[in-house]
Amino acid sequence: MKCSRIVWTSQDLNGNRFVALFNIGEERGVVSVQLEDLNCRNPMSLRDLWAKEDLGVVEHQIAFELEPRQSVLLKLTEAAD
């Protein structure tokens, strides 16, 4: 069985985290990742880098429903108190 959902992560020298979610399948589907799996212990502010849009604060999970061959690139920073 071929995996049709991919999560790619990176971190820069300033501690910002980047997450790219990919649906490489032929059907619409949810691509998700737990913040715990990214070693994020606090709520994170989420920004869609391609749409240039702030998406608010996430506490536990990042999840997007993506069309076939669609992706999203996100930047995570520690949420302000």
C-alpha atoms as a PDB file:
ATOM      1  CA  MET A   1       0.000   0.000   0.000  1.00  0.00           C
ATOM      2  CA  LYS A   2       1.437   3.343  -1.056  1.00  0.00           C
ATOM      3  CA  CYS A   3       1.329   6.232   1.436  1.00  0.00           C
ATOM      4  CA  SER A   4      -0.414   9.228  -0.136  1.00  0.00           C
ATOM      5  CA  ARG A   5       0.095  11.734   2.678  1.00  0.00           C
ATOM      6  CA  ILE A   6       3.458  13.234   3.583  1.00  0.00           C
ATOM      7  CA  VAL A   7       4.518  15.541   6.422  1.00  0.00           C
ATOM      8  CA  TRP A   8       7.861  17.335   6.054  1.00  0.00           C
ATOM      9  CA  THR A   9       9.343  19.387   8.892  1.00  0.00           C
ATOM     10  CA  SER A  10      12.310  21.667   9.444  1.00  0.00           C
ATOM     11  CA  GLN A  11      13.579  24.179  11.984  1.00  0.00           C
ATOM     12  CA  ASP A  12      15.661  27.311  11.403  1.00  0.00           C
ATOM     13  CA  LEU A  13      18.431  28.719  13.590  1.00  0.00           C
ATOM     14  CA  ASN A  14      15.923  31.023  15.352  1.00  0.00           C
ATOM     15  CA  GLY A  15      13.778  28.104  16.502  1.00  0.00           C
ATOM     16  CA  ASN A  16      10.964  28.654  14.003  1.00  0.00           C
ATOM     17  CA  ARG A  17       9.440  25.437  12.749  1.00  0.00           C
ATOM     18  CA  PHE A  18       8.228  24.818   9.230  1.00  0.00           C
ATOM     19  CA  VAL A  19       5.780  22.130   8.214  1.00  0.00           C
ATOM     20  CA  ALA A  20       4.775  21.121   4.706  1.00  0.00           C
ATOM     21  CA  LEU A  21       1.767  18.835   4.281  1.00  0.00           C
ATOM     22  CA  PHE A  22       1.352  16.960   0.998  1.00  0.00           C
ATOM     23  CA  ASN A  23      -1.499  14.904  -0.422  1.00  0.00           C
ATOM     24  CA  ILE A  24       0.134  13.000  -3.276  1.00  0.00           C
ATOM     25  CA  GLY A  25      -2.843  10.674  -3.693  1.00  0.00           C
ATOM     26  CA  GLU A  26      -5.678  10.634  -6.192  1.00  0.00           C
ATOM     27  CA  GLU A  27      -8.404  11.460  -3.654  1.00  0.00           C
ATOM     28  CA  ARG A  28      -9.104  14.322  -1.273  1.00  0.00           C
ATOM     29  CA  GLY A  29      -7.871  13.556   2.221  1.00  0.00           C
ATOM     30  CA  VAL A  30      -6.831  14.933   5.578  1.00  0.00           C
ATOM     31  CA  VAL A  31      -3.118  15.342   6.242  1.00  0.00           C
ATOM     32  CA  SER A  32      -2.267  15.899   9.905  1.00  0.00           C
ATOM     33  CA  VAL A  33       0.519  15.943  12.454  1.00  0.00           C
ATOM     34  CA  GLN A  34       0.477  16.185  16.243  1.00  0.00           C
ATOM     35  CA  LEU A  35       2.422  19.089  17.778  1.00  0.00           C
ATOM     36  CA  GLU A  36       3.922  16.563  20.181  1.00  0.00           C
ATOM     37  CA  ASP A  37       5.467  14.763  17.176  1.00  0.00           C
ATOM     38  CA  LEU A  38       7.151  18.074  16.242  1.00  0.00           C
ATOM     39  CA  ASN A  39       8.543  18.440  19.795  1.00  0.00           C
ATOM     40  CA  CYS A  40       6.252  21.424  20.386  1.00  0.00           C
ATOM     41  CA  ARG A  41       5.169  21.484  24.000  1.00  0.00           C
ATOM     42  CA  ASN A  42       3.320  24.829  23.935  1.00  0.00           C
ATOM     43  CA  PRO A  43       0.576  26.275  21.733  1.00  0.00           C
ATOM     44  CA  MET A  44       1.923  27.477  18.390  1.00  0.00           C
ATOM     45  CA  SER A  45       0.889  30.318  16.084  1.00  0.00           C
ATOM     46  CA  LEU A  46       0.346  29.051  12.573  1.00  0.00           C
ATOM     47  CA  ARG A  47       0.970  30.935   9.314  1.00  0.00           C
ATOM     48  CA  ASP A  48       0.290  29.737   5.773  1.00  0.00           C
ATOM     49  CA  LEU A  49       3.394  30.963   3.931  1.00  0.00           C
ATOM     50  CA  TRP A  50       2.024  30.559   0.402  1.00  0.00           C
ATOM     51  CA  ALA A  51      -1.312  32.259   1.180  1.00  0.00           C
ATOM     52  CA  LYS A  52       0.477  34.825   3.408  1.00  0.00           C
ATOM     53  CA  GLU A  53      -2.243  34.344   6.006  1.00  0.00           C
ATOM     54  CA  ASP A  54      -2.164  33.942   9.786  1.00  0.00           C
ATOM     55  CA  LEU A  55      -4.280  30.942  10.787  1.00  0.00           C
ATOM     56  CA  GLY A  56      -4.412  31.384  14.549  1.00  0.00           C
ATOM     57  CA  VAL A  57      -3.120  29.248  17.392  1.00  0.00           C
ATOM     58  CA  VAL A  58      -3.036  25.456  17.495  1.00  0.00           C
ATOM     59  CA  GLU A  59      -2.659  23.498  20.718  1.00  0.00           C
ATOM     60  CA  HIS A  60      -2.523  19.823  19.783  1.00  0.00           C
ATOM     61  CA  GLN A  61      -2.735  19.048  16.077  1.00  0.00           C
ATOM     62  CA  ILE A  62      -2.335  20.565  12.637  1.00  0.00           C
ATOM     63  CA  ALA A  63      -4.773  19.114  10.100  1.00  0.00           C
ATOM     64  CA  PHE A  64      -5.751  20.189   6.597  1.00  0.00           C
ATOM     65  CA  GLU A  65      -8.108  18.598   4.103  1.00  0.00           C
ATOM     66  CA  LEU A  66      -6.204  18.715   0.840  1.00  0.00           C
ATOM     67  CA  GLU A  67      -7.245  18.025  -2.729  1.00  0.00           C
ATOM     68  CA  PRO A  68      -5.258  15.470  -4.757  1.00  0.00           C
ATOM     69  CA  ARG A  69      -1.681  16.690  -5.383  1.00  0.00           C
ATOM     70  CA  GLN A  70      -2.252  19.715  -3.141  1.00  0.00           C
ATOM     71  CA  SER A  71       0.136  20.914  -0.439  1.00  0.00           C
ATOM     72  CA  VAL A  72       0.435  23.615   2.188  1.00  0.00           C
ATOM     73  CA  LEU A  73       3.560  25.231   3.687  1.00  0.00           C
ATOM     74  CA  LEU A  74       3.266  26.459   7.267  1.00  0.00           C
ATOM     75  CA  LYS A  75       5.413  28.372   9.722  1.00  0.00           C
ATOM     76  CA  LEU A  76       4.997  27.712  13.438  1.00  0.00           C
ATOM     77  CA  THR A  77       6.149  30.102  16.141  1.00  0.00           C
ATOM     78  CA  GLU A  78       5.529  29.991  19.882  1.00  0.00           C
ATOM     79  CA  ALA A  79       2.192  31.620  20.624  1.00  0.00           C
ATOM     80  CA  ALA A  80       2.276  34.785  22.720  1.00  0.00           C
ATOM     81  CA  ASP A  81       0.703  34.509  26.183  1.00  0.00           C
END
